[in-house]
C-alpha atoms as a PDB file:
ATOM      1  CA  UNK A   1     -65.430  60.648  10.561  1.00  0.00           C
ATOM      2  CA  UNK A   2     -67.296  62.257   7.722  1.00  0.00           C
ATOM      3  CA  UNK A   3     -66.780  65.565   5.992  1.00  0.00           C
ATOM      4  CA  UNK A   4     -70.231  66.590   7.279  1.00  0.00           C
ATOM      5  CA  UNK A   5     -69.060  65.993  10.860  1.00  0.00           C
ATOM      6  CA  UNK A   6     -66.109  68.305  10.319  1.00  0.00           C
ATOM      7  CA  UNK A   7     -68.196  71.006   8.680  1.00  0.00           C
ATOM      8  CA  UNK A   8     -70.757  70.874  11.505  1.00  0.00           C
ATOM      9  CA  UNK A   9     -68.714  73.032  13.861  1.00  0.00           C
ATOM     10  CA  UNK A  10     -65.572  73.625  11.817  1.00  0.00           C
ATOM     11  CA  UNK A  11     -63.290  71.857  14.301  1.00  0.00           C
ATOM     12  CA  UNK A  12     -62.058  68.500  13.020  1.00  0.00           C
ATOM     13  CA  UNK A  13     -60.560  67.591  16.392  1.00  0.00           C
ATOM     14  CA  UNK A  14     -63.880  68.172  18.160  1.00  0.00           C
ATOM     15  CA  UNK A  15     -65.492  65.839  15.629  1.00  0.00           C
ATOM     16  CA  UNK A  16     -62.676  63.294  16.079  1.00  0.00           C
ATOM     17  CA  UNK A  17     -63.049  63.490  19.855  1.00  0.00           C
ATOM     18  CA  UNK A  18     -66.824  63.080  19.689  1.00  0.00           C
ATOM     19  CA  UNK A  19     -66.532  60.146  17.307  1.00  0.00           C
ATOM     20  CA  UNK A  20     -63.617  58.232  18.844  1.00  0.00           C
ATOM     21  CA  UNK A  21     -62.927  59.236  22.460  1.00  0.00           C
ATOM     22  CA  UNK A  22     -65.223  56.541  23.831  1.00  0.00           C
ATOM     23  CA  UNK A  23     -63.442  53.752  21.956  1.00  0.00           C
ATOM     24  CA  UNK A  24     -59.984  55.048  22.893  1.00  0.00           C
ATOM     25  CA  UNK A  25     -61.014  55.446  26.543  1.00  0.00           C
ATOM     26  CA  UNK A  26     -62.411  51.895  26.633  1.00  0.00           C
ATOM     27  CA  UNK A  27     -59.105  50.629  25.193  1.00  0.00           C
ATOM     28  CA  UNK A  28     -57.171  52.487  27.903  1.00  0.00           C
ATOM     29  CA  UNK A  29     -59.475  51.466  30.773  1.00  0.00           C
ATOM     30  CA  UNK A  30     -58.738  47.824  30.009  1.00  0.00           C
ATOM     31  CA  UNK A  31     -55.101  48.587  30.723  1.00  0.00           C
ATOM     32  CA  UNK A  32     -55.100  51.338  33.377  1.00  0.00           C
ATOM     33  CA  UNK A  33     -57.058  52.559  36.384  1.00  0.00           C
ATOM     34  CA  UNK A  34     -59.893  54.910  35.294  1.00  0.00           C
ATOM     35  CA  UNK A  35     -58.228  58.185  36.348  1.00  0.00           C
ATOM     36  CA  UNK A  36     -54.988  57.297  34.559  1.00  0.00           C
ATOM     37  CA  UNK A  37     -56.919  56.173  31.489  1.00  0.00           C
ATOM     38  CA  UNK A  38     -58.558  59.602  31.298  1.00  0.00           C
ATOM     39  CA  UNK A  39     -55.175  61.321  31.601  1.00  0.00           C
ATOM     40  CA  UNK A  40     -53.752  59.183  28.802  1.00  0.00           C
ATOM     41  CA  UNK A  41     -56.828  59.910  26.658  1.00  0.00           C
ATOM     42  CA  UNK A  42     -56.219  63.630  27.076  1.00  0.00           C
ATOM     43  CA  UNK A  43     -52.507  63.254  26.297  1.00  0.00           C
ATOM     44  CA  UNK A  44     -53.400  61.174  23.225  1.00  0.00           C
ATOM     45  CA  UNK A  45     -55.507  63.951  21.761  1.00  0.00           C
ATOM     46  CA  UNK A  46     -52.946  66.621  22.671  1.00  0.00           C
ATOM     47  CA  UNK A  47     -50.268  64.685  20.795  1.00  0.00           C
ATOM     48  CA  UNK A  48     -52.540  64.057  17.842  1.00  0.00           C
ATOM     49  CA  UNK A  49     -53.445  67.739  17.628  1.00  0.00           C
ATOM     50  CA  UNK A  50     -49.786  68.777  17.811  1.00  0.00           C
ATOM     51  CA  UNK A  51     -48.905  66.245  15.094  1.00  0.00           C
ATOM     52  CA  UNK A  52     -51.114  67.833  12.470  1.00  0.00           C
ATOM     53  CA  UNK A  53     -54.544  67.932  10.946  1.00  0.00           C
ATOM     54  CA  UNK A  54     -57.217  65.272  10.793  1.00  0.00           C
ATOM     55  CA  UNK A  55     -57.506  63.669   7.382  1.00  0.00           C
ATOM     56  CA  UNK A  56     -61.113  63.009   6.547  1.00  0.00           C
ATOM     57  CA  UNK A  57     -60.192  60.050   4.347  1.00  0.00           C
ATOM     58  CA  UNK A  58     -57.751  58.571   6.891  1.00  0.00           C
ATOM     59  CA  UNK A  59     -58.489  56.046   9.588  1.00  0.00           C
ATOM     60  CA  UNK A  60     -58.605  58.458  12.514  1.00  0.00           C
ATOM     61  CA  UNK A  61     -59.661  55.791  15.007  1.00  0.00           C
ATOM     62  CA  UNK A  62     -56.656  53.574  14.176  1.00  0.00           C
ATOM     63  CA  UNK A  63     -54.349  56.590  14.387  1.00  0.00           C
ATOM     64  CA  UNK A  64     -55.756  57.583  17.790  1.00  0.00           C
ATOM     65  CA  UNK A  65     -55.553  54.024  19.141  1.00  0.00           C
ATOM     66  CA  UNK A  66     -51.937  53.731  18.008  1.00  0.00           C
ATOM     67  CA  UNK A  67     -51.145  57.093  19.588  1.00  0.00           C
ATOM     68  CA  UNK A  68     -52.882  56.004  22.815  1.00  0.00           C
ATOM     69  CA  UNK A  69     -50.865  52.771  22.884  1.00  0.00           C
ATOM     70  CA  UNK A  70     -47.620  54.734  22.435  1.00  0.00           C
ATOM     71  CA  UNK A  71     -48.559  57.206  25.176  1.00  0.00           C
ATOM     72  CA  UNK A  72     -49.410  54.262  27.443  1.00  0.00           C
ATOM     73  CA  UNK A  73     -46.038  52.586  26.847  1.00  0.00           C
ATOM     74  CA  UNK A  74     -44.227  55.887  27.424  1.00  0.00           C
ATOM     75  CA  UNK A  75     -46.167  56.495  30.627  1.00  0.00           C
ATOM     76  CA  UNK A  76     -45.285  53.084  32.003  1.00  0.00           C
ATOM     77  CA  UNK A  77     -41.597  53.646  31.277  1.00  0.00           C
ATOM     78  CA  UNK A  78     -41.341  57.243  32.547  1.00  0.00           C
ATOM     79  CA  UNK A  79     -40.294  57.848  36.165  1.00  0.00           C
ATOM     80  CA  UNK A  80     -42.808  59.942  38.064  1.00  0.00           C
ATOM     81  CA  UNK A  81     -42.835  61.813  41.337  1.00  0.00           C
ATOM     82  CA  UNK A  82     -44.433  59.519  43.894  1.00  0.00           C
ATOM     83  CA  UNK A  83     -45.533  60.453  47.405  1.00  0.00           C
ATOM     84  CA  UNK A  84     -44.519  57.695  49.776  1.00  0.00           C
ATOM     85  CA  UNK A  85     -47.033  56.413  52.311  1.00  0.00           C
ATOM     86  CA  UNK A  86     -46.904  58.563  55.432  1.00  0.00           C
ATOM     87  CA  UNK A  87     -44.954  61.314  53.655  1.00  0.00           C
ATOM     88  CA  UNK A  88     -47.549  63.999  52.984  1.00  0.00           C
ATOM     89  CA  UNK A  89     -44.900  66.639  52.356  1.00  0.00           C
ATOM     90  CA  UNK A  90     -43.867  64.836  49.188  1.00  0.00           C
ATOM     91  CA  UNK A  91     -41.389  62.205  48.344  1.00  0.00           C
ATOM     92  CA  UNK A  92     -38.432  61.702  46.143  1.00  0.00           C
ATOM     93  CA  UNK A  93     -38.595  60.497  42.616  1.00  0.00           C
ATOM     94  CA  UNK A  94     -39.229  56.759  42.602  1.00  0.00           C
ATOM     95  CA  UNK A  95     -37.267  54.515  40.329  1.00  0.00           C
ATOM     96  CA  UNK A  96     -39.019  53.216  37.279  1.00  0.00           C
ATOM     97  CA  UNK A  97     -39.080  49.693  38.669  1.00  0.00           C
ATOM     98  CA  UNK A  98     -40.505  50.810  42.036  1.00  0.00           C
ATOM     99  CA  UNK A  99     -43.232  52.806  40.300  1.00  0.00           C
ATOM    100  CA  UNK A 100     -44.178  49.927  38.038  1.00  0.00           C
ATOM    101  CA  UNK A 101     -44.194  47.549  40.998  1.00  0.00           C
ATOM    102  CA  UNK A 102     -46.425  49.829  43.077  1.00  0.00           C
ATOM    103  CA  UNK A 103     -48.797  50.331  40.160  1.00  0.00           C
ATOM    104  CA  UNK A 104     -48.904  46.682  39.221  1.00  0.00           C
ATOM    105  CA  UNK A 105     -48.845  45.063  42.642  1.00  0.00           C
ATOM    106  CA  UNK A 106     -51.957  46.442  44.205  1.00  0.00           C
ATOM    107  CA  UNK A 107     -52.678  43.057  45.791  1.00  0.00           C
ATOM    108  CA  UNK A 108     -56.258  42.861  44.590  1.00  0.00           C
ATOM    109  CA  UNK A 109     -55.575  40.806  41.466  1.00  0.00           C
ATOM    110  CA  UNK A 110     -52.782  38.200  41.603  1.00  0.00           C
ATOM    111  CA  UNK A 111     -53.169  37.342  37.896  1.00  0.00           C
ATOM    112  CA  UNK A 112     -52.716  40.961  36.878  1.00  0.00           C
ATOM    113  CA  UNK A 113     -49.807  41.322  39.300  1.00  0.00           C
ATOM    114  CA  UNK A 114     -48.076  38.326  37.739  1.00  0.00           C
ATOM    115  CA  UNK A 115     -48.725  39.634  34.221  1.00  0.00           C
ATOM    116  CA  UNK A 116     -47.301  43.068  35.122  1.00  0.00           C
ATOM    117  CA  UNK A 117     -44.263  41.468  36.673  1.00  0.00           C
ATOM    118  CA  UNK A 118     -43.673  39.326  33.590  1.00  0.00           C
ATOM    119  CA  UNK A 119     -44.155  42.337  31.299  1.00  0.00           C
ATOM    120  CA  UNK A 120     -41.781  44.498  33.329  1.00  0.00           C
ATOM    121  CA  UNK A 121     -39.146  41.756  33.411  1.00  0.00           C
ATOM    122  CA  UNK A 122     -39.449  41.130  29.670  1.00  0.00           C
ATOM    123  CA  UNK A 123     -39.263  44.838  28.828  1.00  0.00           C
ATOM    124  CA  UNK A 124     -36.207  45.279  31.054  1.00  0.00           C
ATOM    125  CA  UNK A 125     -34.494  42.319  29.420  1.00  0.00           C
ATOM    126  CA  UNK A 126     -35.307  43.600  25.929  1.00  0.00           C
ATOM    127  CA  UNK A 127     -33.950  47.045  26.758  1.00  0.00           C
ATOM    128  CA  UNK A 128     -30.688  45.503  27.983  1.00  0.00           C
ATOM    129  CA  UNK A 129     -30.403  43.506  24.747  1.00  0.00           C
ATOM    130  CA  UNK A 130     -30.670  46.593  22.528  1.00  0.00           C
ATOM    131  CA  UNK A 131     -27.445  47.885  20.996  1.00  0.00           C
ATOM    132  CA  UNK A 132     -26.219  50.894  22.979  1.00  0.00           C
ATOM    133  CA  UNK A 133     -27.090  53.531  20.309  1.00  0.00           C
ATOM    134  CA  UNK A 134     -30.645  52.157  20.007  1.00  0.00           C
ATOM    135  CA  UNK A 135     -31.119  51.966  23.774  1.00  0.00           C
ATOM    136  CA  UNK A 136     -29.737  55.486  24.283  1.00  0.00           C
ATOM    137  CA  UNK A 137     -31.867  56.971  21.508  1.00  0.00           C
ATOM    138  CA  UNK A 138     -34.984  55.222  22.855  1.00  0.00           C
ATOM    139  CA  UNK A 139     -34.274  56.365  26.412  1.00  0.00           C
ATOM    140  CA  UNK A 140     -33.782  59.994  25.407  1.00  0.00           C
ATOM    141  CA  UNK A 141     -36.474  60.335  22.737  1.00  0.00           C
ATOM    142  CA  UNK A 142     -39.197  58.045  24.042  1.00  0.00           C
ATOM    143  CA  UNK A 143     -38.765  57.528  27.782  1.00  0.00           C
ATOM    144  CA  UNK A 144     -37.587  61.091  28.465  1.00  0.00           C
ATOM    145  CA  UNK A 145     -39.740  62.539  25.653  1.00  0.00           C
ATOM    146  CA  UNK A 146     -36.998  64.724  24.226  1.00  0.00           C
ATOM    147  CA  UNK A 147     -37.251  65.986  20.668  1.00  0.00           C
ATOM    148  CA  UNK A 148     -35.169  64.288  18.001  1.00  0.00           C
ATOM    149  CA  UNK A 149     -33.253  67.545  17.529  1.00  0.00           C
ATOM    150  CA  UNK A 150     -32.435  67.621  21.247  1.00  0.00           C
ATOM    151  CA  UNK A 151     -31.303  63.981  21.143  1.00  0.00           C
ATOM    152  CA  UNK A 152     -29.088  64.788  18.147  1.00  0.00           C
ATOM    153  CA  UNK A 153     -27.551  67.668  20.093  1.00  0.00           C
ATOM    154  CA  UNK A 154     -26.908  65.514  23.160  1.00  0.00           C
ATOM    155  CA  UNK A 155     -25.444  62.560  21.275  1.00  0.00           C
ATOM    156  CA  UNK A 156     -23.709  64.204  18.348  1.00  0.00           C
ATOM    157  CA  UNK A 157     -25.686  62.060  15.910  1.00  0.00           C
ATOM    158  CA  UNK A 158     -27.365  63.438  12.808  1.00  0.00           C
ATOM    159  CA  UNK A 159     -31.149  63.844  12.908  1.00  0.00           C
ATOM    160  CA  UNK A 160     -31.660  60.918  10.481  1.00  0.00           C
ATOM    161  CA  UNK A 161     -29.437  58.712  12.666  1.00  0.00           C
ATOM    162  CA  UNK A 162     -31.499  59.572  15.756  1.00  0.00           C
ATOM    163  CA  UNK A 163     -34.682  58.640  13.897  1.00  0.00           C
ATOM    164  CA  UNK A 164     -33.159  55.375  12.674  1.00  0.00           C
ATOM    165  CA  UNK A 165     -31.955  54.415  16.161  1.00  0.00           C
ATOM    166  CA  UNK A 166     -35.338  55.139  17.743  1.00  0.00           C
ATOM    167  CA  UNK A 167     -37.141  53.278  14.958  1.00  0.00           C
ATOM    168  CA  UNK A 168     -34.911  50.215  15.328  1.00  0.00           C
ATOM    169  CA  UNK A 169     -35.306  50.213  19.112  1.00  0.00           C
ATOM    170  CA  UNK A 170     -39.102  50.442  18.837  1.00  0.00           C
ATOM    171  CA  UNK A 171     -39.176  47.723  16.203  1.00  0.00           C
ATOM    172  CA  UNK A 172     -37.191  45.303  18.386  1.00  0.00           C
ATOM    173  CA  UNK A 173     -39.210  46.123  21.497  1.00  0.00           C
ATOM    174  CA  UNK A 174     -42.522  45.662  19.702  1.00  0.00           C
ATOM    175  CA  UNK A 175     -41.342  42.361  18.248  1.00  0.00           C
ATOM    176  CA  UNK A 176     -40.160  41.196  21.661  1.00  0.00           C
ATOM    177  CA  UNK A 177     -43.355  42.295  23.418  1.00  0.00           C
ATOM    178  CA  UNK A 178     -45.739  40.878  20.824  1.00  0.00           C
ATOM    179  CA  UNK A 179     -47.405  38.589  23.369  1.00  0.00           C
ATOM    180  CA  UNK A 180     -48.259  41.605  25.557  1.00  0.00           C
ATOM    181  CA  UNK A 181     -49.578  43.929  22.860  1.00  0.00           C
ATOM    182  CA  UNK A 182     -53.328  44.174  22.242  1.00  0.00           C
ATOM    183  CA  UNK A 183     -54.606  42.084  19.381  1.00  0.00           C
ATOM    184  CA  UNK A 184     -57.421  43.450  17.231  1.00  0.00           C
ATOM    185  CA  UNK A 185     -58.257  46.513  19.374  1.00  0.00           C
END
């Protein structure tokens, strides 16, 4: 993104969206159904806007792609309200595993179904291997999307300790899921 693009309408996020939304959406559509990809794109920009200002000299595209990847991982781990078939009045909250299975096992692509199953199994195993403070911090801060201050209040840890625990959990999960992460996107 150039300084001229920002000056054009005075809104750096509009310029960032115009310049990079297509690439981020393409990245997400390779990993999600189209309607979910669009939701994650929107959430990506909301998070980026809340995080701060666009730096003209920074690599905005890389930042947005990293944010989109993190939103995607969070979305796959977060339990959601699911309406069961034949239950138009609404359903209960599905477990994380049930939701992932329903999303992944659509029956139209056995290769994708097998890959989702392997990913889900590997992620579950990695989460179980994490030391309890790392797993708890990750669950509260990332999966439940609580603020670090809220996690500190719930656990009795200092704010730096919360950040360290989340960082270490993410680092181990990323290392353990290296085969599943996009390469060169």
